[in-house]
PDB file of all heavy atoms in Angstrom:
ATOM      1  N   GLU A   1      23.213  44.666  37.723  1.00  0.00           N
ATOM      2  CA  GLU A   1      22.067  45.093  38.507  1.00  0.00           C
ATOM      3  C   GLU A   1      21.675  44.038  39.537  1.00  0.00           C
ATOM      4  O   GLU A   1      21.336  44.363  40.683  1.00  0.00           O
ATOM      5  CB  GLU A   1      20.885  45.408  37.593  1.00  0.00           C
ATOM      6  CG  GLU A   1      21.071  46.677  36.785  1.00  0.00           C
ATOM      7  CD  GLU A   1      19.830  47.040  35.977  1.00  0.00           C
ATOM      8  OE1 GLU A   1      18.739  46.520  36.285  1.00  0.00           O
ATOM      9  OE2 GLU A   1      19.951  47.848  35.033  1.00  0.00           O
ATOM     10  N   MET A   2      21.722  42.763  39.144  1.00  0.00           N
ATOM     11  CA  MET A   2      21.413  41.685  40.079  1.00  0.00           C
ATOM     12  C   MET A   2      22.413  41.656  41.223  1.00  0.00           C
ATOM     13  O   MET A   2      22.055  41.434  42.384  1.00  0.00           O
ATOM     14  CB  MET A   2      21.412  40.343  39.348  1.00  0.00           C
ATOM     15  CG  MET A   2      20.236  40.145  38.408  1.00  0.00           C
ATOM     16  SD  MET A   2      20.421  38.665  37.369  1.00  0.00           S
ATOM     17  CE  MET A   2      20.634  37.408  38.631  1.00  0.00           C
ATOM     18  N   LEU A   3      23.672  41.885  40.908  1.00  0.00           N
ATOM     19  CA  LEU A   3      24.728  41.885  41.912  1.00  0.00           C
ATOM     20  C   LEU A   3      24.522  43.008  42.926  1.00  0.00           C
ATOM     21  O   LEU A   3      24.601  42.797  44.145  1.00  0.00           O
ATOM     22  CB  LEU A   3      26.074  42.034  41.211  1.00  0.00           C
ATOM     23  CG  LEU A   3      27.326  42.055  42.067  1.00  0.00           C
ATOM     24  CD1 LEU A   3      27.531  40.707  42.727  1.00  0.00           C
ATOM     25  CD2 LEU A   3      28.536  42.421  41.221  1.00  0.00           C
ATOM     26  N   VAL A   4      24.260  44.204  42.415  1.00  0.00           N
ATOM     27  CA  VAL A   4      24.014  45.342  43.305  1.00  0.00           C
ATOM     28  C   VAL A   4      22.763  45.087  44.150  1.00  0.00           C
ATOM     29  O   VAL A   4      22.734  45.370  45.358  1.00  0.00           O
ATOM     30  CB  VAL A   4      23.874  46.641  42.485  1.00  0.00           C
ATOM     31  CG1 VAL A   4      23.468  47.809  43.382  1.00  0.00           C
ATOM     32  CG2 VAL A   4      25.178  46.961  41.763  1.00  0.00           C
ATOM     33  N   SER A   5      21.730  44.534  43.525  1.00  0.00           N
ATOM     34  CA  SER A   5      20.493  44.223  44.244  1.00  0.00           C
ATOM     35  C   SER A   5      20.756  43.258  45.392  1.00  0.00           C
ATOM     36  O   SER A   5      20.286  43.466  46.520  1.00  0.00           O
ATOM     37  CB  SER A   5      19.471  43.626  43.268  1.00  0.00           C
ATOM     38  OG  SER A   5      18.323  43.177  43.949  1.00  0.00           O
ATOM     39  N   GLU A   6      21.520  42.200  45.130  1.00  0.00           N
ATOM     40  CA  GLU A   6      21.809  41.214  46.170  1.00  0.00           C
ATOM     41  C   GLU A   6      22.640  41.814  47.296  1.00  0.00           C
ATOM     42  O   GLU A   6      22.428  41.508  48.475  1.00  0.00           O
ATOM     43  CB  GLU A   6      22.527  40.012  45.561  1.00  0.00           C
ATOM     44  CG  GLU A   6      22.799  38.874  46.524  1.00  0.00           C
ATOM     45  CD  GLU A   6      21.543  38.207  47.049  1.00  0.00           C
ATOM     46  OE1 GLU A   6      20.466  38.365  46.420  1.00  0.00           O
ATOM     47  OE2 GLU A   6      21.636  37.523  48.087  1.00  0.00           O
ATOM     48  N   ALA A   7      23.577  42.680  46.951  1.00  0.00           N
ATOM     49  CA  ALA A   7      24.393  43.327  47.974  1.00  0.00           C
ATOM     50  C   ALA A   7      23.534  44.187  48.901  1.00  0.00           C
ATOM     51  O   ALA A   7      23.726  44.182  50.123  1.00  0.00           O
ATOM     52  CB  ALA A   7      25.482  44.174  47.315  1.00  0.00           C
ATOM     53  N   PHE A   8      22.567  44.901  48.341  1.00  0.00           N
ATOM     54  CA  PHE A   8      21.680  45.704  49.186  1.00  0.00           C
ATOM     55  C   PHE A   8      20.771  44.820  50.034  1.00  0.00           C
ATOM     56  O   PHE A   8      20.448  45.159  51.180  1.00  0.00           O
ATOM     57  CB  PHE A   8      20.851  46.663  48.332  1.00  0.00           C
ATOM     58  CG  PHE A   8      21.588  47.906  47.918  1.00  0.00           C
ATOM     59  CD1 PHE A   8      21.708  48.265  46.578  1.00  0.00           C
ATOM     60  CD2 PHE A   8      22.158  48.727  48.870  1.00  0.00           C
ATOM     61  CE1 PHE A   8      22.391  49.405  46.201  1.00  0.00           C
ATOM     62  CE2 PHE A   8      22.843  49.878  48.510  1.00  0.00           C
ATOM     63  CZ  PHE A   8      22.972  50.216  47.165  1.00  0.00           C
ATOM     64  N   ARG A   9      20.332  43.696  49.489  1.00  0.00           N
ATOM     65  CA  ARG A   9      19.525  42.769  50.289  1.00  0.00           C
ATOM     66  C   ARG A   9      20.304  42.294  51.518  1.00  0.00           C
ATOM     67  O   ARG A   9      19.745  42.152  52.597  1.00  0.00           O
ATOM     68  CB  ARG A   9      19.099  41.565  49.453  1.00  0.00           C
ATOM     69  CG  ARG A   9      17.943  41.813  48.520  1.00  0.00           C
ATOM     70  CD  ARG A   9      17.362  40.512  47.974  1.00  0.00           C
ATOM     71  NE  ARG A   9      16.254  40.778  47.071  1.00  0.00           N
ATOM     72  CZ  ARG A   9      16.370  40.941  45.767  1.00  0.00           C
ATOM     73  NH1 ARG A   9      17.576  40.831  45.204  1.00  0.00           N
ATOM     74  NH2 ARG A   9      15.323  41.194  45.012  1.00  0.00           N
ATOM     75  N   ARG A  10      21.584  42.022  51.305  1.00  0.00           N
ATOM     76  CA  ARG A  10      22.422  41.576  52.424  1.00  0.00           C
ATOM     77  C   ARG A  10      22.575  42.663  53.486  1.00  0.00           C
ATOM     78  O   ARG A  10      22.916  42.363  54.630  1.00  0.00           O
ATOM     79  CB  ARG A  10      23.807  41.166  51.912  1.00  0.00           C
ATOM     80  CG  ARG A  10      23.817  40.010  50.923  1.00  0.00           C
ATOM     81  CD  ARG A  10      23.583  38.677  51.566  1.00  0.00           C
ATOM     82  NE  ARG A  10      23.621  37.603  50.578  1.00  0.00           N
ATOM     83  CZ  ARG A  10      24.697  36.884  50.289  1.00  0.00           C
ATOM     84  NH1 ARG A  10      25.836  37.125  50.924  1.00  0.00           N
ATOM     85  NH2 ARG A  10      24.642  35.926  49.379  1.00  0.00           N
ATOM     86  N   GLN A  11      22.324  43.912  53.111  1.00  0.00           N
ATOM     87  CA  GLN A  11      22.378  45.012  54.069  1.00  0.00           C
ATOM     88  C   GLN A  11      21.054  45.215  54.797  1.00  0.00           C
ATOM     89  O   GLN A  11      20.920  46.122  55.612  1.00  0.00           O
ATOM     90  CB  GLN A  11      22.769  46.308  53.358  1.00  0.00           C
ATOM     91  CG  GLN A  11      24.201  46.330  52.849  1.00  0.00           C
ATOM     92  CD  GLN A  11      24.582  47.669  52.236  1.00  0.00           C
ATOM     93  OE1 GLN A  11      23.736  48.539  52.020  1.00  0.00           O
ATOM     94  NE2 GLN A  11      25.862  47.839  51.961  1.00  0.00           N
ATOM     95  N   GLY A  12      20.069  44.370  54.495  1.00  0.00           N
ATOM     96  CA  GLY A  12      18.793  44.449  55.202  1.00  0.00           C
ATOM     97  C   GLY A  12      17.707  45.222  54.488  1.00  0.00           C
ATOM     98  O   GLY A  12      16.633  45.449  55.053  1.00  0.00           O
ATOM     99  N   TYR A  13      17.949  45.609  53.234  1.00  0.00           N
ATOM    100  CA  TYR A  13      16.925  46.301  52.462  1.00  0.00           C
ATOM    101  C   TYR A  13      15.957  45.306  51.835  1.00  0.00           C
ATOM    102  O   TYR A  13      16.334  44.186  51.476  1.00  0.00           O
ATOM    103  CB  TYR A  13      17.555  47.114  51.324  1.00  0.00           C
ATOM    104  CG  TYR A  13      18.294  48.360  51.757  1.00  0.00           C
ATOM    105  CD1 TYR A  13      19.683  48.353  51.889  1.00  0.00           C
ATOM    106  CD2 TYR A  13      17.614  49.552  52.009  1.00  0.00           C
ATOM    107  CE1 TYR A  13      20.371  49.493  52.266  1.00  0.00           C
ATOM    108  CE2 TYR A  13      18.291  50.694  52.391  1.00  0.00           C
ATOM    109  CZ  TYR A  13      19.674  50.662  52.523  1.00  0.00           C
ATOM    110  OH  TYR A  13      20.342  51.799  52.904  1.00  0.00           O
ATOM    111  N   THR A  14      14.714  45.731  51.683  1.00  0.00           N
ATOM    112  CA  THR A  14      13.787  45.068  50.783  1.00  0.00           C
ATOM    113  C   THR A  14      13.959  45.721  49.424  1.00  0.00           C
ATOM    114  O   THR A  14      13.871  46.942  49.303  1.00  0.00           O
ATOM    115  CB  THR A  14      12.334  45.230  51.264  1.00  0.00           C
ATOM    116  OG1 THR A  14      12.203  44.617  52.553  1.00  0.00           O
ATOM    117  CG2 THR A  14      11.364  44.561  50.296  1.00  0.00           C
ATOM    118  N   VAL A  15      14.227  44.905  48.399  1.00  0.00           N
ATOM    119  CA  VAL A  15      14.619  45.439  47.095  1.00  0.00           C
ATOM    120  C   VAL A  15      13.585  45.067  46.043  1.00  0.00           C
ATOM    121  O   VAL A  15      13.197  43.905  45.923  1.00  0.00           O
ATOM    122  CB  VAL A  15      15.995  44.902  46.666  1.00  0.00           C
ATOM    123  CG1 VAL A  15      16.426  45.538  45.337  1.00  0.00           C
ATOM    124  CG2 VAL A  15      17.040  45.165  47.742  1.00  0.00           C
ATOM    125  N   ARG A  16      13.142  46.054  45.292  1.00  0.00           N
ATOM    126  CA  ARG A  16      12.300  45.807  44.118  1.00  0.00           C
ATOM    127  C   ARG A  16      13.077  46.229  42.885  1.00  0.00           C
ATOM    128  O   ARG A  16      13.535  47.357  42.788  1.00  0.00           O
ATOM    129  CB  ARG A  16      10.981  46.574  44.196  1.00  0.00           C
ATOM    130  CG  ARG A  16      10.091  46.341  42.963  1.00  0.00           C
ATOM    131  CD  ARG A  16       8.638  46.676  43.255  1.00  0.00           C
ATOM    132  NE  ARG A  16       8.429  48.068  43.551  1.00  0.00           N
ATOM    133  CZ  ARG A  16       8.215  49.007  42.623  1.00  0.00           C
ATOM    134  NH1 ARG A  16       8.229  48.683  41.340  1.00  0.00           N
ATOM    135  NH2 ARG A  16       8.004  50.263  42.973  1.00  0.00           N
ATOM    136  N   GLU A  17      13.233  45.290  41.954  1.00  0.00           N
ATOM    137  CA  GLU A  17      13.994  45.547  40.738  1.00  0.00           C
ATOM    138  C   GLU A  17      13.044  46.061  39.654  1.00  0.00           C
ATOM    139  O   GLU A  17      12.067  45.411  39.320  1.00  0.00           O
ATOM    140  CB  GLU A  17      14.699  44.280  40.282  1.00  0.00           C
ATOM    141  CG  GLU A  17      15.720  43.783  41.310  1.00  0.00           C
ATOM    142  CD  GLU A  17      16.276  42.424  40.947  1.00  0.00           C
ATOM    143  OE1 GLU A  17      15.747  41.804  39.999  1.00  0.00           O
ATOM    144  OE2 GLU A  17      17.232  41.976  41.610  1.00  0.00           O
ATOM    145  N   THR A  18      13.351  47.220  39.116  1.00  0.00           N
ATOM    146  CA  THR A  18      12.501  47.810  38.085  1.00  0.00           C
ATOM    147  C   THR A  18      13.207  47.895  36.746  1.00  0.00           C
ATOM    148  O   THR A  18      12.566  48.050  35.715  1.00  0.00           O
ATOM    149  CB  THR A  18      12.052  49.230  38.477  1.00  0.00           C
ATOM    150  OG1 THR A  18      13.206  50.085  38.488  1.00  0.00           O
ATOM    151  CG2 THR A  18      11.412  49.236  39.854  1.00  0.00           C
ATOM    152  N   GLY A  19      14.530  47.782  36.736  1.00  0.00           N
ATOM    153  CA  GLY A  19      15.276  48.025  35.515  1.00  0.00           C
ATOM    154  C   GLY A  19      15.486  46.805  34.640  1.00  0.00           C
ATOM    155  O   GLY A  19      15.812  46.932  33.469  1.00  0.00           O
ATOM    156  N   LEU A  20      15.297  45.569  35.175  1.00  0.00           N
ATOM    157  CA  LEU A  20      15.620  44.375  34.412  1.00  0.00           C
ATOM    158  C   LEU A  20      14.665  44.144  33.248  1.00  0.00           C
ATOM    159  O   LEU A  20      14.967  43.373  32.333  1.00  0.00           O
ATOM    160  CB  LEU A  20      15.625  43.154  35.337  1.00  0.00           C
ATOM    161  CG  LEU A  20      16.740  43.155  36.400  1.00  0.00           C
ATOM    162  CD1 LEU A  20      16.647  41.909  37.261  1.00  0.00           C
ATOM    163  CD2 LEU A  20      18.111  43.250  35.759  1.00  0.00           C
ATOM    164  N   ASP A  21      13.486  44.784  33.260  1.00  0.00           N
ATOM    165  CA  ASP A  21      12.562  44.612  32.138  1.00  0.00           C
ATOM    166  C   ASP A  21      12.702  45.715  31.094  1.00  0.00           C
ATOM    167  O   ASP A  21      11.955  45.764  30.131  1.00  0.00           O
ATOM    168  CB  ASP A  21      11.110  44.564  32.636  1.00  0.00           C
ATOM    169  CG  ASP A  21      10.666  45.860  33.297  1.00  0.00           C
ATOM    170  OD1 ASP A  21      11.502  46.765  33.424  1.00  0.00           O
ATOM    171  OD2 ASP A  21       9.488  45.949  33.675  1.00  0.00           O
ATOM    172  N   GLY A  22      13.676  46.619  31.303  1.00  0.00           N
ATOM    173  CA  GLY A  22      13.938  47.663  30.321  1.00  0.00           C
ATOM    174  C   GLY A  22      12.998  48.848  30.403  1.00  0.00           C
ATOM    175  O   GLY A  22      13.028  49.724  29.563  1.00  0.00           O
ATOM    176  N   SER A  23      12.143  48.916  31.436  1.00  0.00           N
ATOM    177  CA  SER A  23      11.183  50.026  31.545  1.00  0.00           C
ATOM    178  C   SER A  23      11.388  50.766  32.859  1.00  0.00           C
ATOM    179  O   SER A  23      10.461  51.048  33.583  1.00  0.00           O
ATOM    180  CB  SER A  23       9.752  49.483  31.472  1.00  0.00           C
ATOM    181  OG  SER A  23       9.518  48.537  32.496  1.00  0.00           O
ATOM    182  N   ASP A  24      12.632  51.062  33.160  1.00  0.00           N
ATOM    183  CA  ASP A  24      12.966  51.581  34.481  1.00  0.00           C
ATOM    184  C   ASP A  24      12.696  53.059  34.642  1.00  0.00           C
ATOM    185  O   ASP A  24      12.539  53.533  35.749  1.00  0.00           O
ATOM    186  CB  ASP A  24      14.436  51.292  34.789  1.00  0.00           C
ATOM    187  CG  ASP A  24      15.377  51.923  33.775  1.00  0.00           C
ATOM    188  OD1 ASP A  24      14.972  52.052  32.609  1.00  0.00           O
ATOM    189  OD2 ASP A  24      16.492  52.291  34.146  1.00  0.00           O
ATOM    190  N   GLY A  25      12.674  53.835  33.550  1.00  0.00           N
ATOM    191  CA  GLY A  25      12.475  55.265  33.685  1.00  0.00           C
ATOM    192  C   GLY A  25      13.583  55.936  34.454  1.00  0.00           C
ATOM    193  O   GLY A  25      13.392  56.960  35.103  1.00  0.00           O
ATOM    194  N   GLY A  26      14.820  55.366  34.415  1.00  0.00           N
ATOM    195  CA  GLY A  26      15.943  55.936  35.140  1.00  0.00           C
ATOM    196  C   GLY A  26      16.167  55.320  36.496  1.00  0.00           C
ATOM    197  O   GLY A  26      17.171  55.607  37.139  1.00  0.00           O
ATOM    198  N   ILE A  27      15.270  54.471  36.964  1.00  0.00           N
ATOM    199  CA  ILE A  27      15.374  53.839  38.277  1.00  0.00           C
ATOM    200  C   ILE A  27      15.544  52.337  38.078  1.00  0.00           C
ATOM    201  O   ILE A  27      14.712  51.692  37.450  1.00  0.00           O
ATOM    202  CB  ILE A  27      14.132  54.119  39.141  1.00  0.00           C
ATOM    203  CG1 ILE A  27      13.947  55.627  39.329  1.00  0.00           C
ATOM    204  CG2 ILE A  27      14.251  53.429  40.491  1.00  0.00           C
ATOM    205  CD1 ILE A  27      12.628  56.001  39.970  1.00  0.00           C
ATOM    206  N   ASP A  28      16.631  51.784  38.608  1.00  0.00           N
ATOM    207  CA  ASP A  28      16.890  50.354  38.468  1.00  0.00           C
ATOM    208  C   ASP A  28      16.403  49.555  39.670  1.00  0.00           C
ATOM    209  O   ASP A  28      15.925  48.433  39.522  1.00  0.00           O
ATOM    210  CB  ASP A  28      18.384  50.104  38.264  1.00  0.00           C
ATOM    211  CG  ASP A  28      18.887  50.734  36.970  1.00  0.00           C
ATOM    212  OD1 ASP A  28      18.207  50.580  35.942  1.00  0.00           O
ATOM    213  OD2 ASP A  28      19.949  51.383  36.995  1.00  0.00           O
ATOM    214  N   LEU A  29      16.562  50.118  40.858  1.00  0.00           N
ATOM    215  CA  LEU A  29      16.157  49.432  42.088  1.00  0.00           C
ATOM    216  C   LEU A  29      15.422  50.421  42.988  1.00  0.00           C
ATOM    217  O   LEU A  29      15.702  51.617  42.989  1.00  0.00           O
ATOM    218  CB  LEU A  29      17.377  48.898  42.851  1.00  0.00           C
ATOM    219  CG  LEU A  29      18.393  48.051  42.089  1.00  0.00           C
ATOM    220  CD1 LEU A  29      19.602  47.771  42.978  1.00  0.00           C
ATOM    221  CD2 LEU A  29      17.763  46.756  41.619  1.00  0.00           C
ATOM    222  N   ILE A  30      14.476  49.883  43.756  1.00  0.00           N
ATOM    223  CA  ILE A  30      13.812  50.668  44.798  1.00  0.00           C
ATOM    224  C   ILE A  30      14.037  49.940  46.114  1.00  0.00           C
ATOM    225  O   ILE A  30      13.643  48.784  46.271  1.00  0.00           O
ATOM    226  CB  ILE A  30      12.310  50.836  44.517  1.00  0.00           C
ATOM    227  CG1 ILE A  30      12.097  51.575  43.189  1.00  0.00           C
ATOM    228  CG2 ILE A  30      11.639  51.610  45.655  1.00  0.00           C
ATOM    229  CD1 ILE A  30      10.639  51.720  42.795  1.00  0.00           C
ATOM    230  N   LEU A  31      14.688  50.624  47.052  1.00  0.00           N
ATOM    231  CA  LEU A  31      15.018  50.039  48.345  1.00  0.00           C
ATOM    232  C   LEU A  31      14.046  50.527  49.401  1.00  0.00           C
ATOM    233  O   LEU A  31      13.663  51.702  49.417  1.00  0.00           O
ATOM    234  CB  LEU A  31      16.443  50.419  48.761  1.00  0.00           C
ATOM    235  CG  LEU A  31      17.564  50.244  47.727  1.00  0.00           C
ATOM    236  CD1 LEU A  31      18.898  50.649  48.348  1.00  0.00           C
ATOM    237  CD2 LEU A  31      17.613  48.823  47.216  1.00  0.00           C
ATOM    238  N   GLN A  32      13.677  49.618  50.294  1.00  0.00           N
ATOM    239  CA  GLN A  32      12.820  49.968  51.425  1.00  0.00           C
ATOM    240  C   GLN A  32      13.478  49.458  52.702  1.00  0.00           C
ATOM    241  O   GLN A  32      13.875  48.295  52.791  1.00  0.00           O
ATOM    242  CB  GLN A  32      11.436  49.326  51.287  1.00  0.00           C
ATOM    243  CG  GLN A  32      10.639  49.746  50.069  1.00  0.00           C
ATOM    244  CD  GLN A  32       9.940  51.077  50.273  1.00  0.00           C
ATOM    245  OE1 GLN A  32       9.852  51.574  51.396  1.00  0.00           O
ATOM    246  NE2 GLN A  32       9.434  51.657  49.198  1.00  0.00           N
ATOM    247  N   ARG A  33      13.599  50.339  53.689  1.00  0.00           N
ATOM    248  CA  ARG A  33      14.106  49.932  55.000  1.00  0.00           C
ATOM    249  C   ARG A  33      13.738  50.982  56.030  1.00  0.00           C
ATOM    250  O   ARG A  33      13.910  52.173  55.792  1.00  0.00           O
ATOM    251  CB  ARG A  33      15.628  49.731  54.977  1.00  0.00           C
ATOM    252  CG  ARG A  33      16.179  49.065  56.236  1.00  0.00           C
ATOM    253  CD  ARG A  33      17.661  48.738  56.115  1.00  0.00           C
ATOM    254  NE  ARG A  33      18.484  49.946  56.125  1.00  0.00           N
ATOM    255  CZ  ARG A  33      19.816  49.928  56.040  1.00  0.00           C
ATOM    256  NH1 ARG A  33      20.449  48.778  55.905  1.00  0.00           N
ATOM    257  NH2 ARG A  33      20.488  51.052  56.044  1.00  0.00           N
ATOM    258  N   ASP A  34      13.206  50.529  57.154  1.00  0.00           N
ATOM    259  CA  ASP A  34      12.834  51.425  58.254  1.00  0.00           C
ATOM    260  C   ASP A  34      11.886  52.525  57.792  1.00  0.00           C
ATOM    261  O   ASP A  34      11.975  53.676  58.243  1.00  0.00           O
ATOM    262  CB  ASP A  34      14.081  52.047  58.892  1.00  0.00           C
ATOM    263  CG  ASP A  34      15.030  51.000  59.449  1.00  0.00           C
ATOM    264  OD1 ASP A  34      14.540  49.940  59.899  1.00  0.00           O
ATOM    265  OD2 ASP A  34      16.257  51.220  59.428  1.00  0.00           O
ATOM    266  N   GLY A  35      10.990  52.196  56.867  1.00  0.00           N
ATOM    267  CA  GLY A  35      10.000  53.151  56.402  1.00  0.00           C
ATOM    268  C   GLY A  35      10.506  54.157  55.387  1.00  0.00           C
ATOM    269  O   GLY A  35       9.744  55.024  54.951  1.00  0.00           O
ATOM    270  N   ALA A  36      11.771  54.061  55.003  1.00  0.00           N
ATOM    271  CA  ALA A  36      12.350  55.001  54.041  1.00  0.00           C
ATOM    272  C   ALA A  36      12.478  54.339  52.671  1.00  0.00           C
ATOM    273  O   ALA A  36      12.740  53.141  52.566  1.00  0.00           O
ATOM    274  CB  ALA A  36      13.717  55.486  54.518  1.00  0.00           C
ATOM    275  N   THR A  37      12.305  55.151  51.625  1.00  0.00           N
ATOM    276  CA  THR A  37      12.407  54.675  50.243  1.00  0.00           C
ATOM    277  C   THR A  37      13.625  55.305  49.579  1.00  0.00           C
ATOM    278  O   THR A  37      13.787  56.526  49.610  1.00  0.00           O
ATOM    279  CB  THR A  37      11.148  55.040  49.445  1.00  0.00           C
ATOM    280  OG1 THR A  37      10.013  54.419  50.048  1.00  0.00           O
ATOM    281  CG2 THR A  37      11.262  54.581  47.999  1.00  0.00           C
ATOM    282  N   THR A  38      14.458  54.464  48.985  1.00  0.00           N
ATOM    283  CA  THR A  38      15.661  54.938  48.304  1.00  0.00           C
ATOM    284  C   THR A  38      15.641  54.456  46.860  1.00  0.00           C
ATOM    285  O   THR A  38      15.408  53.276  46.588  1.00  0.00           O
ATOM    286  CB  THR A  38      16.928  54.400  48.998  1.00  0.00           C
ATOM    287  OG1 THR A  38      16.949  54.836  50.361  1.00  0.00           O
ATOM    288  CG2 THR A  38      18.185  54.913  48.289  1.00  0.00           C
TER     289      THR A  38
END
């Protein structure tokens, strides 16, 4: 998860990690870029 997170950061995303604490609810990362949420 950290690796994928860092790769997205290098693509210019702002990344919030939600899955590393075990309470992700199915979502590990939340990406923000150009006003869009992924």
